[in-house]
Amino acid sequence: MQFVWGALAAGCAVAGLFFLRFWRESRDRLFAGFAAAFFVLALNWAALGVVNPSDETRHLTYLLRLVAFLILIWAIVDKNRRSAR
């Protein structure tokens, strides 16, 4: 299972790099938010790969996923509010 979590971490990091590149070209905050969220998700998957699955504190790593989804929601809402003006 650690291999899968490592692959997911690498995939999220690559997606974060793509969104970071798009942000550098366009300076759109949506891309910056997506890049940040994917980097946080990469940290989440890496933490799950490092933590022992039977560890009692494993559920704390899911707080990182919550932060990532909150960043995604903020970026989407921010984009929609800016385009409405």
PDB file of N, CA and C in Angstrom:
ATOM      1  N   MET A   1       0.811  -1.185   0.000  1.00  0.00           N
ATOM      2  CA  MET A   1       0.000   0.000   0.000  1.00  0.00           C
ATOM      3  C   MET A   1       0.865   1.264   0.000  1.00  0.00           C
ATOM      4  N   GLN A   2       2.056   1.165   0.599  1.00  0.00           N
ATOM      5  CA  GLN A   2       2.941   2.327   0.632  1.00  0.00           C
ATOM      6  C   GLN A   2       3.359   2.743  -0.783  1.00  0.00           C
ATOM      7  N   PHE A   3       3.500   1.763  -1.678  1.00  0.00           N
ATOM      8  CA  PHE A   3       3.855   2.081  -3.059  1.00  0.00           C
ATOM      9  C   PHE A   3       2.764   2.922  -3.725  1.00  0.00           C
ATOM     10  N   VAL A   4       1.514   2.551  -3.496  1.00  0.00           N
ATOM     11  CA  VAL A   4       0.389   3.286  -4.083  1.00  0.00           C
ATOM     12  C   VAL A   4       0.341   4.695  -3.526  1.00  0.00           C
ATOM     13  N   TRP A   5       0.531   4.847  -2.214  1.00  0.00           N
ATOM     14  CA  TRP A   5       0.522   6.181  -1.608  1.00  0.00           C
ATOM     15  C   TRP A   5       1.694   7.011  -2.129  1.00  0.00           C
ATOM     16  N   GLY A   6       2.825   6.388  -2.354  1.00  0.00           N
ATOM     17  CA  GLY A   6       3.964   7.106  -2.930  1.00  0.00           C
ATOM     18  C   GLY A   6       3.686   7.550  -4.353  1.00  0.00           C
ATOM     19  N   ALA A   7       3.042   6.680  -5.135  1.00  0.00           N
ATOM     20  CA  ALA A   7       2.683   7.042  -6.511  1.00  0.00           C
ATOM     21  C   ALA A   7       1.664   8.171  -6.524  1.00  0.00           C
ATOM     22  N   LEU A   8       0.694   8.127  -5.607  1.00  0.00           N
ATOM     23  CA  LEU A   8      -0.279   9.211  -5.513  1.00  0.00           C
ATOM     24  C   LEU A   8       0.390  10.523  -5.113  1.00  0.00           C
ATOM     25  N   ALA A   9       1.347  10.453  -4.195  1.00  0.00           N
ATOM     26  CA  ALA A   9       2.078  11.657  -3.774  1.00  0.00           C
ATOM     27  C   ALA A   9       2.851  12.247  -4.955  1.00  0.00           C
ATOM     28  N   ALA A  10       3.498  11.392  -5.715  1.00  0.00           N
ATOM     29  CA  ALA A  10       4.252  11.875  -6.874  1.00  0.00           C
ATOM     30  C   ALA A  10       3.312  12.470  -7.923  1.00  0.00           C
ATOM     31  N   GLY A  11       2.184  11.824  -8.155  1.00  0.00           N
ATOM     32  CA  GLY A  11       1.217  12.340  -9.123  1.00  0.00           C
ATOM     33  C   GLY A  11       0.651  13.691  -8.714  1.00  0.00           C
ATOM     34  N   CYS A  12       0.343  13.848  -7.438  1.00  0.00           N
ATOM     35  CA  CYS A  12      -0.167  15.138  -6.948  1.00  0.00           C
ATOM     36  C   CYS A  12       0.909  16.218  -7.043  1.00  0.00           C
ATOM     37  N   ALA A  13       2.146  15.849  -6.767  1.00  0.00           N
ATOM     38  CA  ALA A  13       3.234  16.829  -6.882  1.00  0.00           C
ATOM     39  C   ALA A  13       3.413  17.275  -8.328  1.00  0.00           C
ATOM     40  N   VAL A  14       3.304  16.352  -9.265  1.00  0.00           N
ATOM     41  CA  VAL A  14       3.412  16.705 -10.685  1.00  0.00           C
ATOM     42  C   VAL A  14       2.248  17.601 -11.099  1.00  0.00           C
ATOM     43  N   ALA A  15       1.035  17.273 -10.648  1.00  0.00           N
ATOM     44  CA  ALA A  15      -0.116  18.129 -10.961  1.00  0.00           C
ATOM     45  C   ALA A  15       0.072  19.517 -10.358  1.00  0.00           C
ATOM     46  N   GLY A  16       0.610  19.578  -9.146  1.00  0.00           N
ATOM     47  CA  GLY A  16       0.892  20.867  -8.527  1.00  0.00           C
ATOM     48  C   GLY A  16       1.896  21.673  -9.325  1.00  0.00           C
ATOM     49  N   LEU A  17       2.907  21.009  -9.874  1.00  0.00           N
ATOM     50  CA  LEU A  17       3.891  21.713 -10.702  1.00  0.00           C
ATOM     51  C   LEU A  17       3.270  22.243 -11.985  1.00  0.00           C
ATOM     52  N   PHE A  18       2.360  21.472 -12.593  1.00  0.00           N
ATOM     53  CA  PHE A  18       1.683  21.949 -13.800  1.00  0.00           C
ATOM     54  C   PHE A  18       0.851  23.192 -13.492  1.00  0.00           C
ATOM     55  N   PHE A  19       0.087  23.146 -12.394  1.00  0.00           N
ATOM     56  CA  PHE A  19      -0.728  24.311 -12.042  1.00  0.00           C
ATOM     57  C   PHE A  19       0.155  25.497 -11.659  1.00  0.00           C
ATOM     58  N   LEU A  20       1.300  25.240 -11.057  1.00  0.00           N
ATOM     59  CA  LEU A  20       2.227  26.320 -10.733  1.00  0.00           C
ATOM     60  C   LEU A  20       2.753  26.984 -12.008  1.00  0.00           C
ATOM     61  N   ARG A  21       3.026  26.172 -13.025  1.00  0.00           N
ATOM     62  CA  ARG A  21       3.475  26.722 -14.303  1.00  0.00           C
ATOM     63  C   ARG A  21       2.376  27.557 -14.950  1.00  0.00           C
ATOM     64  N   PHE A  22       1.133  27.064 -14.897  1.00  0.00           N
ATOM     65  CA  PHE A  22       0.029  27.834 -15.457  1.00  0.00           C
ATOM     66  C   PHE A  22      -0.164  29.138 -14.698  1.00  0.00           C
ATOM     67  N   TRP A  23       0.024  29.123 -13.376  1.00  0.00           N
ATOM     68  CA  TRP A  23      -0.087  30.341 -12.589  1.00  0.00           C
ATOM     69  C   TRP A  23       0.999  31.345 -12.971  1.00  0.00           C
ATOM     70  N   ARG A  24       2.226  30.851 -13.182  1.00  0.00           N
ATOM     71  CA  ARG A  24       3.317  31.761 -13.573  1.00  0.00           C
ATOM     72  C   ARG A  24       3.038  32.430 -14.906  1.00  0.00           C
ATOM     73  N   GLU A  25       2.368  31.735 -15.816  1.00  0.00           N
ATOM     74  CA  GLU A  25       2.068  32.311 -17.129  1.00  0.00           C
ATOM     75  C   GLU A  25       0.894  33.285 -17.078  1.00  0.00           C
ATOM     76  N   SER A  26      -0.133  32.971 -16.276  1.00  0.00           N
ATOM     77  CA  SER A  26      -1.349  33.772 -16.306  1.00  0.00           C
ATOM     78  C   SER A  26      -1.554  34.643 -15.068  1.00  0.00           C
ATOM     79  N   ARG A  27      -0.882  34.348 -13.973  1.00  0.00           N
ATOM     80  CA  ARG A  27      -1.064  35.054 -12.695  1.00  0.00           C
ATOM     81  C   ARG A  27      -2.509  34.991 -12.206  1.00  0.00           C
ATOM     82  N   ASP A  28      -3.216  33.924 -12.565  1.00  0.00           N
ATOM     83  CA  ASP A  28      -4.587  33.714 -12.113  1.00  0.00           C
ATOM     84  C   ASP A  28      -4.552  32.980 -10.777  1.00  0.00           C
ATOM     85  N   ARG A  29      -5.237  33.525  -9.778  1.00  0.00           N
ATOM     86  CA  ARG A  29      -5.202  32.930  -8.438  1.00  0.00           C
ATOM     87  C   ARG A  29      -5.822  31.539  -8.400  1.00  0.00           C
ATOM     88  N   LEU A  30      -6.676  31.221  -9.347  1.00  0.00           N
ATOM     89  CA  LEU A  30      -7.253  29.878  -9.398  1.00  0.00           C
ATOM     90  C   LEU A  30      -6.152  28.831  -9.539  1.00  0.00           C
ATOM     91  N   PHE A  31      -5.204  29.092 -10.428  1.00  0.00           N
ATOM     92  CA  PHE A  31      -4.111  28.144 -10.630  1.00  0.00           C
ATOM     93  C   PHE A  31      -3.206  28.066  -9.408  1.00  0.00           C
ATOM     94  N   ALA A  32      -2.996  29.189  -8.726  1.00  0.00           N
ATOM     95  CA  ALA A  32      -2.188  29.176  -7.507  1.00  0.00           C
ATOM     96  C   ALA A  32      -2.869  28.356  -6.425  1.00  0.00           C
ATOM     97  N   GLY A  33      -4.176  28.501  -6.309  1.00  0.00           N
ATOM     98  CA  GLY A  33      -4.922  27.710  -5.328  1.00  0.00           C
ATOM     99  C   GLY A  33      -4.886  26.229  -5.637  1.00  0.00           C
ATOM    100  N   PHE A  34      -5.047  25.889  -6.919  1.00  0.00           N
ATOM    101  CA  PHE A  34      -4.979  24.479  -7.296  1.00  0.00           C
ATOM    102  C   PHE A  34      -3.585  23.906  -7.056  1.00  0.00           C
ATOM    103  N   ALA A  35      -2.552  24.682  -7.356  1.00  0.00           N
ATOM    104  CA  ALA A  35      -1.183  24.211  -7.115  1.00  0.00           C
ATOM    105  C   ALA A  35      -0.966  23.956  -5.630  1.00  0.00           C
ATOM    106  N   ALA A  36      -1.402  24.893  -4.798  1.00  0.00           N
ATOM    107  CA  ALA A  36      -1.240  24.724  -3.349  1.00  0.00           C
ATOM    108  C   ALA A  36      -2.007  23.504  -2.850  1.00  0.00           C
ATOM    109  N   ALA A  37      -3.222  23.320  -3.349  1.00  0.00           N
ATOM    110  CA  ALA A  37      -4.032  22.181  -2.919  1.00  0.00           C
ATOM    111  C   ALA A  37      -3.379  20.859  -3.322  1.00  0.00           C
ATOM    112  N   PHE A  38      -2.845  20.785  -4.513  1.00  0.00           N
ATOM    113  CA  PHE A  38      -2.211  19.539  -4.936  1.00  0.00           C
ATOM    114  C   PHE A  38      -0.914  19.270  -4.176  1.00  0.00           C
ATOM    115  N   PHE A  39      -0.190  20.326  -3.802  1.00  0.00           N
ATOM    116  CA  PHE A  39       1.000  20.108  -2.978  1.00  0.00           C
ATOM    117  C   PHE A  39       0.618  19.618  -1.581  1.00  0.00           C
ATOM    118  N   VAL A  40      -0.477  20.136  -1.033  1.00  0.00           N
ATOM    119  CA  VAL A  40      -0.942  19.661   0.270  1.00  0.00           C
ATOM    120  C   VAL A  40      -1.414  18.207   0.162  1.00  0.00           C
ATOM    121  N   LEU A  41      -2.093  17.876  -0.930  1.00  0.00           N
ATOM    122  CA  LEU A  41      -2.495  16.476  -1.133  1.00  0.00           C
ATOM    123  C   LEU A  41      -1.275  15.560  -1.270  1.00  0.00           C
ATOM    124  N   ALA A  42      -0.233  16.042  -1.922  1.00  0.00           N
ATOM    125  CA  ALA A  42       0.997  15.249  -2.017  1.00  0.00           C
ATOM    126  C   ALA A  42       1.579  15.006  -0.635  1.00  0.00           C
ATOM    127  N   LEU A  43       1.541  16.026   0.225  1.00  0.00           N
ATOM    128  CA  LEU A  43       1.996  15.838   1.606  1.00  0.00           C
ATOM    129  C   LEU A  43       1.135  14.821   2.343  1.00  0.00           C
ATOM    130  N   ASN A  44      -0.172  14.858   2.089  1.00  0.00           N
ATOM    131  CA  ASN A  44      -1.079  13.905   2.724  1.00  0.00           C
ATOM    132  C   ASN A  44      -0.720  12.470   2.337  1.00  0.00           C
ATOM    133  N   TRP A  45      -0.567  12.230   1.042  1.00  0.00           N
ATOM    134  CA  TRP A  45      -0.267  10.864   0.601  1.00  0.00           C
ATOM    135  C   TRP A  45       1.108  10.414   1.070  1.00  0.00           C
ATOM    136  N   ALA A  46       2.074  11.322   1.092  1.00  0.00           N
ATOM    137  CA  ALA A  46       3.404  10.972   1.590  1.00  0.00           C
ATOM    138  C   ALA A  46       3.353  10.647   3.079  1.00  0.00           C
ATOM    139  N   ALA A  47       2.569  11.412   3.827  1.00  0.00           N
ATOM    140  CA  ALA A  47       2.442  11.150   5.263  1.00  0.00           C
ATOM    141  C   ALA A  47       1.780   9.798   5.508  1.00  0.00           C
ATOM    142  N   LEU A  48       0.782   9.460   4.705  1.00  0.00           N
ATOM    143  CA  LEU A  48       0.140   8.150   4.860  1.00  0.00           C
ATOM    144  C   LEU A  48       1.108   7.016   4.524  1.00  0.00           C
ATOM    145  N   GLY A  49       2.010   7.254   3.589  1.00  0.00           N
ATOM    146  CA  GLY A  49       2.990   6.227   3.251  1.00  0.00           C
ATOM    147  C   GLY A  49       4.036   6.032   4.333  1.00  0.00           C
ATOM    148  N   VAL A  50       4.299   7.086   5.093  1.00  0.00           N
ATOM    149  CA  VAL A  50       5.329   7.014   6.134  1.00  0.00           C
ATOM    150  C   VAL A  50       4.766   6.487   7.446  1.00  0.00           C
ATOM    151  N   VAL A  51       3.531   6.873   7.770  1.00  0.00           N
ATOM    152  CA  VAL A  51       2.916   6.484   9.043  1.00  0.00           C
ATOM    153  C   VAL A  51       2.522   5.016   8.994  1.00  0.00           C
ATOM    154  N   ASN A  52       2.731   4.331  10.080  1.00  0.00           N
ATOM    155  CA  ASN A  52       2.326   2.938  10.197  1.00  0.00           C
ATOM    156  C   ASN A  52       0.796   2.865  10.155  1.00  0.00           C
ATOM    157  N   PRO A  53       0.208   2.040   9.278  1.00  0.00           N
ATOM    158  CA  PRO A  53      -1.257   1.983   9.165  1.00  0.00           C
ATOM    159  C   PRO A  53      -1.982   1.630  10.462  1.00  0.00           C
ATOM    160  N   SER A  54      -1.338   0.940  11.364  1.00  0.00           N
ATOM    161  CA  SER A  54      -1.997   0.587  12.621  1.00  0.00           C
ATOM    162  C   SER A  54      -1.801   1.656  13.687  1.00  0.00           C
ATOM    163  N   ASP A  55      -1.144   2.748  13.322  1.00  0.00           N
ATOM    164  CA  ASP A  55      -0.888   3.822  14.270  1.00  0.00           C
ATOM    165  C   ASP A  55      -2.183   4.547  14.627  1.00  0.00           C
ATOM    166  N   GLU A  56      -2.329   4.895  15.885  1.00  0.00           N
ATOM    167  CA  GLU A  56      -3.541   5.563  16.355  1.00  0.00           C
ATOM    168  C   GLU A  56      -3.688   6.972  15.789  1.00  0.00           C
ATOM    169  N   THR A  57      -2.597   7.619  15.397  1.00  0.00           N
ATOM    170  CA  THR A  57      -2.664   9.004  14.934  1.00  0.00           C
ATOM    171  C   THR A  57      -2.821   9.117  13.417  1.00  0.00           C
ATOM    172  N   ARG A  58      -3.097   8.025  12.760  1.00  0.00           N
ATOM    173  CA  ARG A  58      -3.208   8.045  11.301  1.00  0.00           C
ATOM    174  C   ARG A  58      -4.324   8.968  10.830  1.00  0.00           C
ATOM    175  N   HIS A  59      -5.382   9.092  11.597  1.00  0.00           N
ATOM    176  CA  HIS A  59      -6.492   9.942  11.183  1.00  0.00           C
ATOM    177  C   HIS A  59      -6.100  11.419  11.120  1.00  0.00           C
ATOM    178  N   LEU A  60      -5.041  11.806  11.805  1.00  0.00           N
ATOM    179  CA  LEU A  60      -4.603  13.201  11.769  1.00  0.00           C
ATOM    180  C   LEU A  60      -4.069  13.602  10.395  1.00  0.00           C
ATOM    181  N   THR A  61      -3.577  12.617   9.638  1.00  0.00           N
ATOM    182  CA  THR A  61      -3.080  12.949   8.300  1.00  0.00           C
ATOM    183  C   THR A  61      -4.218  13.366   7.372  1.00  0.00           C
ATOM    184  N   TYR A  62      -5.443  12.959   7.697  1.00  0.00           N
ATOM    185  CA  TYR A  62      -6.576  13.341   6.861  1.00  0.00           C
ATOM    186  C   TYR A  62      -6.941  14.806   7.034  1.00  0.00           C
ATOM    187  N   LEU A  63      -6.426  15.460   8.062  1.00  0.00           N
ATOM    188  CA  LEU A  63      -6.625  16.901   8.196  1.00  0.00           C
ATOM    189  C   LEU A  63      -5.953  17.643   7.050  1.00  0.00           C
ATOM    190  N   LEU A  64      -4.839  17.095   6.557  1.00  0.00           N
ATOM    191  CA  LEU A  64      -4.187  17.693   5.388  1.00  0.00           C
ATOM    192  C   LEU A  64      -5.109  17.652   4.175  1.00  0.00           C
ATOM    193  N   ARG A  65      -5.827  16.549   4.023  1.00  0.00           N
ATOM    194  CA  ARG A  65      -6.753  16.441   2.899  1.00  0.00           C
ATOM    195  C   ARG A  65      -7.887  17.454   3.038  1.00  0.00           C
ATOM    196  N   LEU A  66      -8.347  17.659   4.268  1.00  0.00           N
ATOM    197  CA  LEU A  66      -9.379  18.660   4.516  1.00  0.00           C
ATOM    198  C   LEU A  66      -8.880  20.051   4.132  1.00  0.00           C
ATOM    199  N   VAL A  67      -7.650  20.370   4.502  1.00  0.00           N
ATOM    200  CA  VAL A  67      -7.061  21.665   4.147  1.00  0.00           C
ATOM    201  C   VAL A  67      -6.994  21.810   2.630  1.00  0.00           C
ATOM    202  N   ALA A  68      -6.594  20.756   1.941  1.00  0.00           N
ATOM    203  CA  ALA A  68      -6.490  20.815   0.478  1.00  0.00           C
ATOM    204  C   ALA A  68      -7.851  21.081  -0.162  1.00  0.00           C
ATOM    205  N   PHE A  69      -8.886  20.406   0.313  1.00  0.00           N
ATOM    206  CA  PHE A  69     -10.210  20.613  -0.265  1.00  0.00           C
ATOM    207  C   PHE A  69     -10.754  21.995   0.069  1.00  0.00           C
ATOM    208  N   LEU A  70     -10.421  22.520   1.243  1.00  0.00           N
ATOM    209  CA  LEU A  70     -10.826  23.888   1.572  1.00  0.00           C
ATOM    210  C   LEU A  70     -10.124  24.902   0.671  1.00  0.00           C
ATOM    211  N   ILE A  71      -8.862  24.648   0.339  1.00  0.00           N
ATOM    212  CA  ILE A  71      -8.147  25.520  -0.594  1.00  0.00           C
ATOM    213  C   ILE A  71      -8.794  25.472  -1.974  1.00  0.00           C
ATOM    214  N   LEU A  72      -9.167  24.274  -2.426  1.00  0.00           N
ATOM    215  CA  LEU A  72      -9.840  24.145  -3.721  1.00  0.00           C
ATOM    216  C   LEU A  72     -11.155  24.910  -3.738  1.00  0.00           C
ATOM    217  N   ILE A  73     -11.946  24.757  -2.674  1.00  0.00           N
ATOM    218  CA  ILE A  73     -13.226  25.463  -2.606  1.00  0.00           C
ATOM    219  C   ILE A  73     -12.999  26.968  -2.614  1.00  0.00           C
ATOM    220  N   TRP A  74     -12.024  27.435  -1.831  1.00  0.00           N
ATOM    221  CA  TRP A  74     -11.732  28.866  -1.806  1.00  0.00           C
ATOM    222  C   TRP A  74     -11.331  29.375  -3.191  1.00  0.00           C
ATOM    223  N   ALA A  75     -10.483  28.631  -3.885  1.00  0.00           N
ATOM    224  CA  ALA A  75     -10.013  29.070  -5.209  1.00  0.00           C
ATOM    225  C   ALA A  75     -11.161  29.159  -6.199  1.00  0.00           C
ATOM    226  N   ILE A  76     -12.059  28.201  -6.171  1.00  0.00           N
ATOM    227  CA  ILE A  76     -13.186  28.208  -7.102  1.00  0.00           C
ATOM    228  C   ILE A  76     -14.151  29.347  -6.783  1.00  0.00           C
ATOM    229  N   VAL A  77     -14.457  29.518  -5.494  1.00  0.00           N
ATOM    230  CA  VAL A  77     -15.360  30.602  -5.100  1.00  0.00           C
ATOM    231  C   VAL A  77     -14.729  31.958  -5.424  1.00  0.00           C
ATOM    232  N   ASP A  78     -13.434  32.100  -5.158  1.00  0.00           N
ATOM    233  CA  ASP A  78     -12.741  33.358  -5.461  1.00  0.00           C
ATOM    234  C   ASP A  78     -12.778  33.663  -6.953  1.00  0.00           C
ATOM    235  N   LYS A  79     -12.575  32.664  -7.774  1.00  0.00           N
ATOM    236  CA  LYS A  79     -12.611  32.855  -9.233  1.00  0.00           C
ATOM    237  C   LYS A  79     -13.993  33.279  -9.691  1.00  0.00           C
ATOM    238  N   ASN A  80     -15.035  32.635  -9.153  1.00  0.00           N
ATOM    239  CA  ASN A  80     -16.395  32.967  -9.555  1.00  0.00           C
ATOM    240  C   ASN A  80     -16.806  34.354  -9.075  1.00  0.00           C
ATOM    241  N   ARG A  81     -16.365  34.756  -7.909  1.00  0.00           N
ATOM    242  CA  ARG A  81     -16.708  36.089  -7.411  1.00  0.00           C
ATOM    243  C   ARG A  81     -15.982  37.177  -8.194  1.00  0.00           C
ATOM    244  N   ARG A  82     -14.735  36.919  -8.573  1.00  0.00           N
ATOM    245  CA  ARG A  82     -13.970  37.909  -9.350  1.00  0.00           C
ATOM    246  C   ARG A  82     -14.535  38.058 -10.751  1.00  0.00           C
ATOM    247  N   SER A  83     -14.971  36.962 -11.362  1.00  0.00           N
ATOM    248  CA  SER A  83     -15.487  37.041 -12.736  1.00  0.00           C
ATOM    249  C   SER A  83     -16.887  37.659 -12.772  1.00  0.00           C
ATOM    250  N   ALA A  84     -17.605  37.636 -11.641  1.00  0.00           N
ATOM    251  CA  ALA A  84     -18.944  38.224 -11.609  1.00  0.00           C
ATOM    252  C   ALA A  84     -18.882  39.741 -11.557  1.00  0.00           C
ATOM    253  N   ARG A  85     -17.763  40.265 -11.079  1.00  0.00           N
ATOM    254  CA  ARG A  85     -17.626  41.748 -10.967  1.00  0.00           C
ATOM    255  C   ARG A  85     -17.339  42.380 -12.269  1.00  0.00           C
TER     256      ARG A  85
END
